[in-house]
Amino acid sequence: RFPNLMGHSRPNYNSAVSTFCWAVANDQPYTVNDSSVELE
């Protein structure tokens, strides 16, 4: 029973980490609605 997985995947799909990595690396805008949200 896997938790959230963290690997190279399509951004803006089903991984917040991939989306943030892509956005920061490519100077794209991104939004963090609640910085206290914890991910496993």
PDB file of all heavy atoms in Angstrom:
ATOM      1  N   ARG A   1       0.858  -1.182   0.000  1.00  0.00           N
ATOM      2  CA  ARG A   1       0.000   0.000   0.000  1.00  0.00           C
ATOM      3  C   ARG A   1       0.898   1.237   0.000  1.00  0.00           C
ATOM      4  O   ARG A   1       1.325   1.725   1.044  1.00  0.00           O
ATOM      5  CB  ARG A   1      -0.899   0.000   1.227  1.00  0.00           C
ATOM      6  CG  ARG A   1      -2.046  -0.998   1.131  1.00  0.00           C
ATOM      7  CD  ARG A   1      -2.864  -1.010   2.420  1.00  0.00           C
ATOM      8  NE  ARG A   1      -4.156  -1.671   2.209  1.00  0.00           N
ATOM      9  CZ  ARG A   1      -5.047  -1.897   3.171  1.00  0.00           C
ATOM     10  NH1 ARG A   1      -4.773  -1.522   4.420  1.00  0.00           N
ATOM     11  NH2 ARG A   1      -6.190  -2.498   2.885  1.00  0.00           N
ATOM     12  N   PHE A   2       1.178   1.746  -1.182  1.00  0.00           N
ATOM     13  CA  PHE A   2       2.114   2.861  -1.295  1.00  0.00           C
ATOM     14  C   PHE A   2       1.469   4.180  -0.888  1.00  0.00           C
ATOM     15  O   PHE A   2       0.288   4.423  -1.176  1.00  0.00           O
ATOM     16  CB  PHE A   2       2.637   2.976  -2.717  1.00  0.00           C
ATOM     17  CG  PHE A   2       3.515   1.829  -3.141  1.00  0.00           C
ATOM     18  CD1 PHE A   2       3.287   1.171  -4.348  1.00  0.00           C
ATOM     19  CD2 PHE A   2       4.564   1.403  -2.347  1.00  0.00           C
ATOM     20  CE1 PHE A   2       4.085   0.119  -4.747  1.00  0.00           C
ATOM     21  CE2 PHE A   2       5.379   0.350  -2.743  1.00  0.00           C
ATOM     22  CZ  PHE A   2       5.135  -0.293  -3.939  1.00  0.00           C
ATOM     23  N   PRO A   3       2.247   5.073  -0.258  1.00  0.00           N
ATOM     24  CA  PRO A   3       1.785   6.446  -0.051  1.00  0.00           C
ATOM     25  C   PRO A   3       1.985   7.241  -1.332  1.00  0.00           C
ATOM     26  O   PRO A   3       2.143   6.663  -2.425  1.00  0.00           O
ATOM     27  CB  PRO A   3       2.709   6.937   1.076  1.00  0.00           C
ATOM     28  CG  PRO A   3       3.991   6.202   0.819  1.00  0.00           C
ATOM     29  CD  PRO A   3       3.588   4.846   0.271  1.00  0.00           C
ATOM     30  N   ASN A   4       2.009   8.570  -1.246  1.00  0.00           N
ATOM     31  CA  ASN A   4       2.330   9.391  -2.416  1.00  0.00           C
ATOM     32  C   ASN A   4       3.735   9.049  -2.893  1.00  0.00           C
ATOM     33  O   ASN A   4       4.662   8.931  -2.081  1.00  0.00           O
ATOM     34  CB  ASN A   4       2.270  10.877  -2.056  1.00  0.00           C
ATOM     35  CG  ASN A   4       0.868  11.338  -1.724  1.00  0.00           C
ATOM     36  OD1 ASN A   4      -0.058  11.148  -2.502  1.00  0.00           O
ATOM     37  ND2 ASN A   4       0.700  11.929  -0.550  1.00  0.00           N
ATOM     38  N   LEU A   5       3.875   8.884  -4.194  1.00  0.00           N
ATOM     39  CA  LEU A   5       5.170   8.542  -4.762  1.00  0.00           C
ATOM     40  C   LEU A   5       5.843   9.792  -5.320  1.00  0.00           C
ATOM     41  O   LEU A   5       5.177  10.693  -5.846  1.00  0.00           O
ATOM     42  CB  LEU A   5       5.009   7.489  -5.855  1.00  0.00           C
ATOM     43  CG  LEU A   5       4.370   6.175  -5.406  1.00  0.00           C
ATOM     44  CD1 LEU A   5       4.318   5.190  -6.562  1.00  0.00           C
ATOM     45  CD2 LEU A   5       5.114   5.576  -4.222  1.00  0.00           C
ATOM     46  N   MET A   6       7.151   9.788  -5.242  1.00  0.00           N
ATOM     47  CA  MET A   6       7.939  10.946  -5.647  1.00  0.00           C
ATOM     48  C   MET A   6       8.964  10.494  -6.681  1.00  0.00           C
ATOM     49  O   MET A   6       9.927   9.798  -6.377  1.00  0.00           O
ATOM     50  CB  MET A   6       8.627  11.491  -4.389  1.00  0.00           C
ATOM     51  CG  MET A   6       9.610  12.594  -4.585  1.00  0.00           C
ATOM     52  SD  MET A   6      10.261  13.032  -2.947  1.00  0.00           S
ATOM     53  CE  MET A   6      11.915  13.493  -3.390  1.00  0.00           C
ATOM     54  N   GLY A   7       8.698  10.839  -7.940  1.00  0.00           N
ATOM     55  CA  GLY A   7       9.584  10.475  -9.032  1.00  0.00           C
ATOM     56  C   GLY A   7       9.255  11.346 -10.223  1.00  0.00           C
ATOM     57  O   GLY A   7       8.328  12.172 -10.178  1.00  0.00           O
ATOM     58  N   HIS A   8      10.004  11.167 -11.319  1.00  0.00           N
ATOM     59  CA  HIS A   8       9.781  12.024 -12.481  1.00  0.00           C
ATOM     60  C   HIS A   8       8.482  11.608 -13.171  1.00  0.00           C
ATOM     61  O   HIS A   8       8.363  10.514 -13.714  1.00  0.00           O
ATOM     62  CB  HIS A   8      10.935  11.921 -13.473  1.00  0.00           C
ATOM     63  CG  HIS A   8      10.859  12.966 -14.546  1.00  0.00           C
ATOM     64  ND1 HIS A   8      11.510  14.179 -14.454  1.00  0.00           N
ATOM     65  CD2 HIS A   8      10.186  12.997 -15.714  1.00  0.00           C
ATOM     66  CE1 HIS A   8      11.246  14.896 -15.525  1.00  0.00           C
ATOM     67  NE2 HIS A   8      10.441  14.197 -16.309  1.00  0.00           N
ATOM     68  N   SER A   9       7.518  12.497 -13.124  1.00  0.00           N
ATOM     69  CA  SER A   9       6.224  12.251 -13.749  1.00  0.00           C
ATOM     70  C   SER A   9       5.702  13.555 -14.336  1.00  0.00           C
ATOM     71  O   SER A   9       6.281  14.630 -14.133  1.00  0.00           O
ATOM     72  CB  SER A   9       5.225  11.693 -12.728  1.00  0.00           C
ATOM     73  OG  SER A   9       5.016  12.617 -11.675  1.00  0.00           O
ATOM     74  N   ARG A  10       4.613  13.450 -15.059  1.00  0.00           N
ATOM     75  CA  ARG A  10       4.049  14.620 -15.723  1.00  0.00           C
ATOM     76  C   ARG A  10       3.599  15.666 -14.708  1.00  0.00           C
ATOM     77  O   ARG A  10       2.860  15.335 -13.771  1.00  0.00           O
ATOM     78  CB  ARG A  10       2.872  14.168 -16.584  1.00  0.00           C
ATOM     79  CG  ARG A  10       2.104  15.286 -17.274  1.00  0.00           C
ATOM     80  CD  ARG A  10       1.322  14.744 -18.463  1.00  0.00           C
ATOM     81  NE  ARG A  10       0.635  13.506 -18.195  1.00  0.00           N
ATOM     82  CZ  ARG A  10      -0.701  13.377 -18.167  1.00  0.00           C
ATOM     83  NH1 ARG A  10      -1.466  14.428 -18.371  1.00  0.00           N
ATOM     84  NH2 ARG A  10      -1.252  12.196 -17.962  1.00  0.00           N
ATOM     85  N   PRO A  11       4.039  16.919 -14.846  1.00  0.00           N
ATOM     86  CA  PRO A  11       3.582  17.959 -13.917  1.00  0.00           C
ATOM     87  C   PRO A  11       2.121  18.308 -14.161  1.00  0.00           C
ATOM     88  O   PRO A  11       1.546  17.995 -15.207  1.00  0.00           O
ATOM     89  CB  PRO A  11       4.501  19.140 -14.232  1.00  0.00           C
ATOM     90  CG  PRO A  11       4.930  18.922 -15.646  1.00  0.00           C
ATOM     91  CD  PRO A  11       5.003  17.428 -15.829  1.00  0.00           C
ATOM     92  N   ASN A  12       1.533  18.941 -13.166  1.00  0.00           N
ATOM     93  CA  ASN A  12       0.126  19.362 -13.246  1.00  0.00           C
ATOM     94  C   ASN A  12      -0.796  18.181 -13.512  1.00  0.00           C
ATOM     95  O   ASN A  12      -1.798  18.305 -14.226  1.00  0.00           O
ATOM     96  CB  ASN A  12      -0.067  20.434 -14.324  1.00  0.00           C
ATOM     97  CG  ASN A  12       0.727  21.693 -14.033  1.00  0.00           C
ATOM     98  OD1 ASN A  12       0.658  22.242 -12.934  1.00  0.00           O
ATOM     99  ND2 ASN A  12       1.510  22.141 -15.009  1.00  0.00           N
ATOM    100  N   TYR A  13      -0.447  17.015 -12.928  1.00  0.00           N
ATOM    101  CA  TYR A  13      -1.276  15.829 -13.118  1.00  0.00           C
ATOM    102  C   TYR A  13      -1.698  15.291 -11.758  1.00  0.00           C
ATOM    103  O   TYR A  13      -2.722  15.679 -11.228  1.00  0.00           O
ATOM    104  CB  TYR A  13      -0.517  14.795 -13.949  1.00  0.00           C
ATOM    105  CG  TYR A  13      -1.308  13.539 -14.264  1.00  0.00           C
ATOM    106  CD1 TYR A  13      -2.531  13.620 -14.914  1.00  0.00           C
ATOM    107  CD2 TYR A  13      -0.825  12.282 -13.919  1.00  0.00           C
ATOM    108  CE1 TYR A  13      -3.271  12.479 -15.201  1.00  0.00           C
ATOM    109  CE2 TYR A  13      -1.549  11.130 -14.214  1.00  0.00           C
ATOM    110  CZ  TYR A  13      -2.766  11.237 -14.858  1.00  0.00           C
ATOM    111  OH  TYR A  13      -3.483  10.108 -15.134  1.00  0.00           O
ATOM    112  N   ASN A  14      -0.909  14.420 -11.160  1.00  0.00           N
ATOM    113  CA  ASN A  14      -1.323  13.886  -9.863  1.00  0.00           C
ATOM    114  C   ASN A  14      -0.213  13.909  -8.818  1.00  0.00           C
ATOM    115  O   ASN A  14      -0.290  13.208  -7.825  1.00  0.00           O
ATOM    116  CB  ASN A  14      -1.872  12.463 -10.012  1.00  0.00           C
ATOM    117  CG  ASN A  14      -0.797  11.474 -10.417  1.00  0.00           C
ATOM    118  OD1 ASN A  14       0.269  11.860 -10.869  1.00  0.00           O
ATOM    119  ND2 ASN A  14      -1.090  10.187 -10.262  1.00  0.00           N
ATOM    120  N   SER A  15       0.832  14.714  -9.051  1.00  0.00           N
ATOM    121  CA  SER A  15       1.923  14.802  -8.083  1.00  0.00           C
ATOM    122  C   SER A  15       2.262  16.265  -7.823  1.00  0.00           C
ATOM    123  O   SER A  15       2.748  16.969  -8.713  1.00  0.00           O
ATOM    124  CB  SER A  15       3.171  14.066  -8.588  1.00  0.00           C
ATOM    125  OG  SER A  15       4.290  14.364  -7.769  1.00  0.00           O
ATOM    126  N   ALA A  16       2.011  16.714  -6.596  1.00  0.00           N
ATOM    127  CA  ALA A  16       2.350  18.091  -6.236  1.00  0.00           C
ATOM    128  C   ALA A  16       3.857  18.301  -6.295  1.00  0.00           C
ATOM    129  O   ALA A  16       4.335  19.364  -6.721  1.00  0.00           O
ATOM    130  CB  ALA A  16       1.828  18.406  -4.833  1.00  0.00           C
ATOM    131  N   VAL A  17       4.633  17.299  -5.896  1.00  0.00           N
ATOM    132  CA  VAL A  17       6.091  17.448  -5.892  1.00  0.00           C
ATOM    133  C   VAL A  17       6.610  17.630  -7.312  1.00  0.00           C
ATOM    134  O   VAL A  17       7.440  18.505  -7.582  1.00  0.00           O
ATOM    135  CB  VAL A  17       6.761  16.238  -5.209  1.00  0.00           C
ATOM    136  CG1 VAL A  17       8.279  16.364  -5.275  1.00  0.00           C
ATOM    137  CG2 VAL A  17       6.314  16.124  -3.764  1.00  0.00           C
ATOM    138  N   SER A  18       6.125  16.802  -8.241  1.00  0.00           N
ATOM    139  CA  SER A  18       6.547  16.946  -9.629  1.00  0.00           C
ATOM    140  C   SER A  18       6.164  18.315 -10.183  1.00  0.00           C
ATOM    141  O   SER A  18       6.944  18.950 -10.908  1.00  0.00           O
ATOM    142  CB  SER A  18       5.926  15.839 -10.489  1.00  0.00           C
ATOM    143  OG  SER A  18       6.482  14.585 -10.170  1.00  0.00           O
ATOM    144  N   THR A  19       4.984  18.761  -9.841  1.00  0.00           N
ATOM    145  CA  THR A  19       4.517  20.063 -10.328  1.00  0.00           C
ATOM    146  C   THR A  19       5.400  21.189  -9.809  1.00  0.00           C
ATOM    147  O   THR A  19       5.820  22.077 -10.569  1.00  0.00           O
ATOM    148  CB  THR A  19       3.060  20.301  -9.904  1.00  0.00           C
ATOM    149  OG1 THR A  19       2.229  19.279 -10.481  1.00  0.00           O
ATOM    150  CG2 THR A  19       2.574  21.661 -10.353  1.00  0.00           C
ATOM    151  N   PHE A  20       5.713  21.167  -8.527  1.00  0.00           N
ATOM    152  CA  PHE A  20       6.569  22.213  -7.957  1.00  0.00           C
ATOM    153  C   PHE A  20       7.980  22.147  -8.534  1.00  0.00           C
ATOM    154  O   PHE A  20       8.588  23.190  -8.826  1.00  0.00           O
ATOM    155  CB  PHE A  20       6.612  22.096  -6.433  1.00  0.00           C
ATOM    156  CG  PHE A  20       5.330  22.500  -5.750  1.00  0.00           C
ATOM    157  CD1 PHE A  20       4.847  21.793  -4.668  1.00  0.00           C
ATOM    158  CD2 PHE A  20       4.613  23.595  -6.180  1.00  0.00           C
ATOM    159  CE1 PHE A  20       3.667  22.158  -4.035  1.00  0.00           C
ATOM    160  CE2 PHE A  20       3.428  23.981  -5.562  1.00  0.00           C
ATOM    161  CZ  PHE A  20       2.957  23.255  -4.479  1.00  0.00           C
ATOM    162  N   CYS A  21       8.522  20.939  -8.679  1.00  0.00           N
ATOM    163  CA  CYS A  21       9.863  20.803  -9.264  1.00  0.00           C
ATOM    164  C   CYS A  21       9.903  21.411 -10.659  1.00  0.00           C
ATOM    165  O   CYS A  21      10.814  22.178 -11.002  1.00  0.00           O
ATOM    166  CB  CYS A  21      10.267  19.327  -9.335  1.00  0.00           C
ATOM    167  SG  CYS A  21      10.774  18.590  -7.773  1.00  0.00           S
ATOM    168  N   TRP A  22       8.926  21.066 -11.465  1.00  0.00           N
ATOM    169  CA  TRP A  22       8.864  21.570 -12.843  1.00  0.00           C
ATOM    170  C   TRP A  22       8.699  23.086 -12.859  1.00  0.00           C
ATOM    171  O   TRP A  22       9.385  23.790 -13.623  1.00  0.00           O
ATOM    172  CB  TRP A  22       7.696  20.909 -13.574  1.00  0.00           C
ATOM    173  CG  TRP A  22       7.364  21.555 -14.875  1.00  0.00           C
ATOM    174  CD1 TRP A  22       7.986  21.375 -16.079  1.00  0.00           C
ATOM    175  CD2 TRP A  22       6.312  22.520 -15.107  1.00  0.00           C
ATOM    176  NE1 TRP A  22       7.396  22.160 -17.040  1.00  0.00           N
ATOM    177  CE2 TRP A  22       6.380  22.870 -16.481  1.00  0.00           C
ATOM    178  CE3 TRP A  22       5.343  23.093 -14.300  1.00  0.00           C
ATOM    179  CZ2 TRP A  22       5.488  23.790 -17.037  1.00  0.00           C
ATOM    180  CZ3 TRP A  22       4.467  24.010 -14.852  1.00  0.00           C
ATOM    181  CH2 TRP A  22       4.539  24.340 -16.212  1.00  0.00           C
ATOM    182  N   ALA A  23       7.814  23.598 -12.016  1.00  0.00           N
ATOM    183  CA  ALA A  23       7.543  25.032 -12.010  1.00  0.00           C
ATOM    184  C   ALA A  23       8.780  25.832 -11.596  1.00  0.00           C
ATOM    185  O   ALA A  23       9.148  26.823 -12.248  1.00  0.00           O
ATOM    186  CB  ALA A  23       6.375  25.336 -11.075  1.00  0.00           C
ATOM    187  N   VAL A  24       9.445  25.410 -10.526  1.00  0.00           N
ATOM    188  CA  VAL A  24      10.627  26.143 -10.060  1.00  0.00           C
ATOM    189  C   VAL A  24      11.762  26.042 -11.073  1.00  0.00           C
ATOM    190  O   VAL A  24      12.432  27.030 -11.386  1.00  0.00           O
ATOM    191  CB  VAL A  24      11.067  25.615  -8.681  1.00  0.00           C
ATOM    192  CG1 VAL A  24      12.397  26.240  -8.273  1.00  0.00           C
ATOM    193  CG2 VAL A  24      10.007  25.910  -7.626  1.00  0.00           C
ATOM    194  N   ALA A  25      11.974  24.845 -11.615  1.00  0.00           N
ATOM    195  CA  ALA A  25      13.070  24.652 -12.570  1.00  0.00           C
ATOM    196  C   ALA A  25      12.873  25.432 -13.855  1.00  0.00           C
ATOM    197  O   ALA A  25      13.845  25.845 -14.498  1.00  0.00           O
ATOM    198  CB  ALA A  25      13.225  23.165 -12.893  1.00  0.00           C
ATOM    199  N   ASN A  26      11.611  25.674 -14.219  1.00  0.00           N
ATOM    200  CA  ASN A  26      11.316  26.311 -15.506  1.00  0.00           C
ATOM    201  C   ASN A  26      10.721  27.709 -15.364  1.00  0.00           C
ATOM    202  O   ASN A  26      10.142  28.236 -16.322  1.00  0.00           O
ATOM    203  CB  ASN A  26      10.363  25.420 -16.306  1.00  0.00           C
ATOM    204  CG  ASN A  26      11.023  24.145 -16.761  1.00  0.00           C
ATOM    205  OD1 ASN A  26      11.658  24.105 -17.808  1.00  0.00           O
ATOM    206  ND2 ASN A  26      10.870  23.083 -15.977  1.00  0.00           N
ATOM    207  N   ASP A  27      10.860  28.304 -14.173  1.00  0.00           N
ATOM    208  CA  ASP A  27      10.392  29.676 -13.925  1.00  0.00           C
ATOM    209  C   ASP A  27       8.911  29.845 -14.242  1.00  0.00           C
ATOM    210  O   ASP A  27       8.493  30.862 -14.801  1.00  0.00           O
ATOM    211  CB  ASP A  27      11.219  30.684 -14.734  1.00  0.00           C
ATOM    212  CG  ASP A  27      12.691  30.667 -14.357  1.00  0.00           C
ATOM    213  OD1 ASP A  27      12.996  30.660 -13.157  1.00  0.00           O
ATOM    214  OD2 ASP A  27      13.537  30.632 -15.278  1.00  0.00           O
ATOM    215  N   GLN A  28       8.132  28.843 -13.868  1.00  0.00           N
ATOM    216  CA  GLN A  28       6.693  28.896 -14.076  1.00  0.00           C
ATOM    217  C   GLN A  28       5.987  29.265 -12.776  1.00  0.00           C
ATOM    218  O   GLN A  28       6.473  28.952 -11.680  1.00  0.00           O
ATOM    219  CB  GLN A  28       6.181  27.540 -14.576  1.00  0.00           C
ATOM    220  CG  GLN A  28       6.727  27.132 -15.926  1.00  0.00           C
ATOM    221  CD  GLN A  28       6.314  28.087 -17.027  1.00  0.00           C
ATOM    222  OE1 GLN A  28       5.143  28.449 -17.151  1.00  0.00           O
ATOM    223  NE2 GLN A  28       7.290  28.513 -17.827  1.00  0.00           N
ATOM    224  N   PRO A  29       4.840  29.929 -12.864  1.00  0.00           N
ATOM    225  CA  PRO A  29       4.122  30.307 -11.635  1.00  0.00           C
ATOM    226  C   PRO A  29       3.546  29.075 -10.935  1.00  0.00           C
ATOM    227  O   PRO A  29       3.209  28.081 -11.573  1.00  0.00           O
ATOM    228  CB  PRO A  29       3.008  31.223 -12.150  1.00  0.00           C
ATOM    229  CG  PRO A  29       2.803  30.811 -13.575  1.00  0.00           C
ATOM    230  CD  PRO A  29       4.152  30.396 -14.086  1.00  0.00           C
ATOM    231  N   TYR A  30       3.457  29.152  -9.631  1.00  0.00           N
ATOM    232  CA  TYR A  30       2.838  28.070  -8.859  1.00  0.00           C
ATOM    233  C   TYR A  30       2.209  28.680  -7.615  1.00  0.00           C
ATOM    234  O   TYR A  30       2.548  29.794  -7.199  1.00  0.00           O
ATOM    235  CB  TYR A  30       3.865  27.002  -8.481  1.00  0.00           C
ATOM    236  CG  TYR A  30       5.026  27.490  -7.645  1.00  0.00           C
ATOM    237  CD1 TYR A  30       4.965  27.514  -6.260  1.00  0.00           C
ATOM    238  CD2 TYR A  30       6.193  27.957  -8.260  1.00  0.00           C
ATOM    239  CE1 TYR A  30       6.028  27.976  -5.500  1.00  0.00           C
ATOM    240  CE2 TYR A  30       7.259  28.417  -7.508  1.00  0.00           C
ATOM    241  CZ  TYR A  30       7.168  28.423  -6.128  1.00  0.00           C
ATOM    242  OH  TYR A  30       8.219  28.880  -5.382  1.00  0.00           O
ATOM    243  N   THR A  31       1.286  27.952  -7.021  1.00  0.00           N
ATOM    244  CA  THR A  31       0.557  28.435  -5.848  1.00  0.00           C
ATOM    245  C   THR A  31       0.619  27.391  -4.748  1.00  0.00           C
ATOM    246  O   THR A  31       0.417  26.198  -5.003  1.00  0.00           O
ATOM    247  CB  THR A  31      -0.917  28.717  -6.191  1.00  0.00           C
ATOM    248  OG1 THR A  31      -0.981  29.691  -7.238  1.00  0.00           O
ATOM    249  CG2 THR A  31      -1.675  29.229  -4.973  1.00  0.00           C
ATOM    250  N   VAL A  32       0.907  27.833  -3.539  1.00  0.00           N
ATOM    251  CA  VAL A  32       0.848  26.980  -2.359  1.00  0.00           C
ATOM    252  C   VAL A  32      -0.286  27.506  -1.495  1.00  0.00           C
ATOM    253  O   VAL A  32      -0.162  28.550  -0.865  1.00  0.00           O
ATOM    254  CB  VAL A  32       2.180  26.993  -1.582  1.00  0.00           C
ATOM    255  CG1 VAL A  32       2.089  26.082  -0.365  1.00  0.00           C
ATOM    256  CG2 VAL A  32       3.333  26.569  -2.479  1.00  0.00           C
ATOM    257  N   ASN A  33      -1.393  26.786  -1.479  1.00  0.00           N
ATOM    258  CA  ASN A  33      -2.561  27.264  -0.732  1.00  0.00           C
ATOM    259  C   ASN A  33      -2.370  27.171   0.774  1.00  0.00           C
ATOM    260  O   ASN A  33      -2.831  28.037   1.520  1.00  0.00           O
ATOM    261  CB  ASN A  33      -3.806  26.474  -1.154  1.00  0.00           C
ATOM    262  CG  ASN A  33      -4.203  26.750  -2.588  1.00  0.00           C
ATOM    263  OD1 ASN A  33      -4.119  27.889  -3.057  1.00  0.00           O
ATOM    264  ND2 ASN A  33      -4.616  25.716  -3.313  1.00  0.00           N
ATOM    265  N   ASP A  34      -1.697  26.130   1.214  1.00  0.00           N
ATOM    266  CA  ASP A  34      -1.474  25.943   2.648  1.00  0.00           C
ATOM    267  C   ASP A  34      -0.115  25.290   2.839  1.00  0.00           C
ATOM    268  O   ASP A  34       0.043  24.086   2.618  1.00  0.00           O
ATOM    269  CB  ASP A  34      -2.582  25.076   3.254  1.00  0.00           C
ATOM    270  CG  ASP A  34      -2.465  24.944   4.773  1.00  0.00           C
ATOM    271  OD1 ASP A  34      -1.429  25.379   5.331  1.00  0.00           O
ATOM    272  OD2 ASP A  34      -3.397  24.403   5.392  1.00  0.00           O
ATOM    273  N   SER A  35       0.873  26.077   3.241  1.00  0.00           N
ATOM    274  CA  SER A  35       2.242  25.565   3.353  1.00  0.00           C
ATOM    275  C   SER A  35       2.405  24.557   4.485  1.00  0.00           C
ATOM    276  O   SER A  35       3.417  23.852   4.546  1.00  0.00           O
ATOM    277  CB  SER A  35       3.219  26.726   3.554  1.00  0.00           C
ATOM    278  OG  SER A  35       2.928  27.417   4.759  1.00  0.00           O
ATOM    279  N   SER A  36       1.417  24.467   5.380  1.00  0.00           N
ATOM    280  CA  SER A  36       1.521  23.538   6.514  1.00  0.00           C
ATOM    281  C   SER A  36       1.024  22.136   6.180  1.00  0.00           C
ATOM    282  O   SER A  36       1.188  21.215   6.992  1.00  0.00           O
ATOM    283  CB  SER A  36       0.740  24.076   7.714  1.00  0.00           C
ATOM    284  OG  SER A  36      -0.661  24.060   7.456  1.00  0.00           O
ATOM    285  N   VAL A  37       0.436  21.954   5.007  1.00  0.00           N
ATOM    286  CA  VAL A  37      -0.063  20.628   4.623  1.00  0.00           C
ATOM    287  C   VAL A  37       1.105  19.646   4.550  1.00  0.00           C
ATOM    288  O   VAL A  37       2.120  19.914   3.912  1.00  0.00           O
ATOM    289  CB  VAL A  37      -0.791  20.689   3.266  1.00  0.00           C
ATOM    290  CG1 VAL A  37      -1.088  19.279   2.742  1.00  0.00           C
ATOM    291  CG2 VAL A  37      -2.082  21.472   3.408  1.00  0.00           C
ATOM    292  N   GLU A  38       0.951  18.506   5.216  1.00  0.00           N
ATOM    293  CA  GLU A  38       2.021  17.508   5.264  1.00  0.00           C
ATOM    294  C   GLU A  38       1.743  16.376   4.280  1.00  0.00           C
ATOM    295  O   GLU A  38       0.617  15.906   4.167  1.00  0.00           O
ATOM    296  CB  GLU A  38       2.154  16.936   6.678  1.00  0.00           C
ATOM    297  CG  GLU A  38       3.344  16.004   6.846  1.00  0.00           C
ATOM    298  CD  GLU A  38       3.510  15.507   8.266  1.00  0.00           C
ATOM    299  OE1 GLU A  38       2.705  14.660   8.698  1.00  0.00           O
ATOM    300  OE2 GLU A  38       4.446  15.965   8.941  1.00  0.00           O
ATOM    301  N   LEU A  39       2.786  15.968   3.577  1.00  0.00           N
ATOM    302  CA  LEU A  39       2.704  14.852   2.640  1.00  0.00           C
ATOM    303  C   LEU A  39       3.558  13.700   3.144  1.00  0.00           C
ATOM    304  O   LEU A  39       4.607  13.909   3.759  1.00  0.00           O
ATOM    305  CB  LEU A  39       3.200  15.265   1.253  1.00  0.00           C
ATOM    306  CG  LEU A  39       2.470  16.398   0.540  1.00  0.00           C
ATOM    307  CD1 LEU A  39       3.121  16.647  -0.824  1.00  0.00           C
ATOM    308  CD2 LEU A  39       0.991  16.092   0.373  1.00  0.00           C
ATOM    309  N   GLU A  40       3.097  12.490   2.872  1.00  0.00           N
ATOM    310  CA  GLU A  40       3.906  11.294   3.108  1.00  0.00           C
ATOM    311  C   GLU A  40       4.407  10.835   1.746  1.00  0.00           C
ATOM    312  O   GLU A  40       3.611  10.511   0.864  1.00  0.00           O
ATOM    313  CB  GLU A  40       3.085  10.203   3.776  1.00  0.00           C
ATOM    314  CG  GLU A  40       2.613  10.572   5.171  1.00  0.00           C
ATOM    315  CD  GLU A  40       1.818   9.461   5.812  1.00  0.00           C
ATOM    316  OE1 GLU A  40       1.467   8.494   5.102  1.00  0.00           O
ATOM    317  OE2 GLU A  40       1.537   9.561   7.017  1.00  0.00           O
TER     318      GLU A  40
END
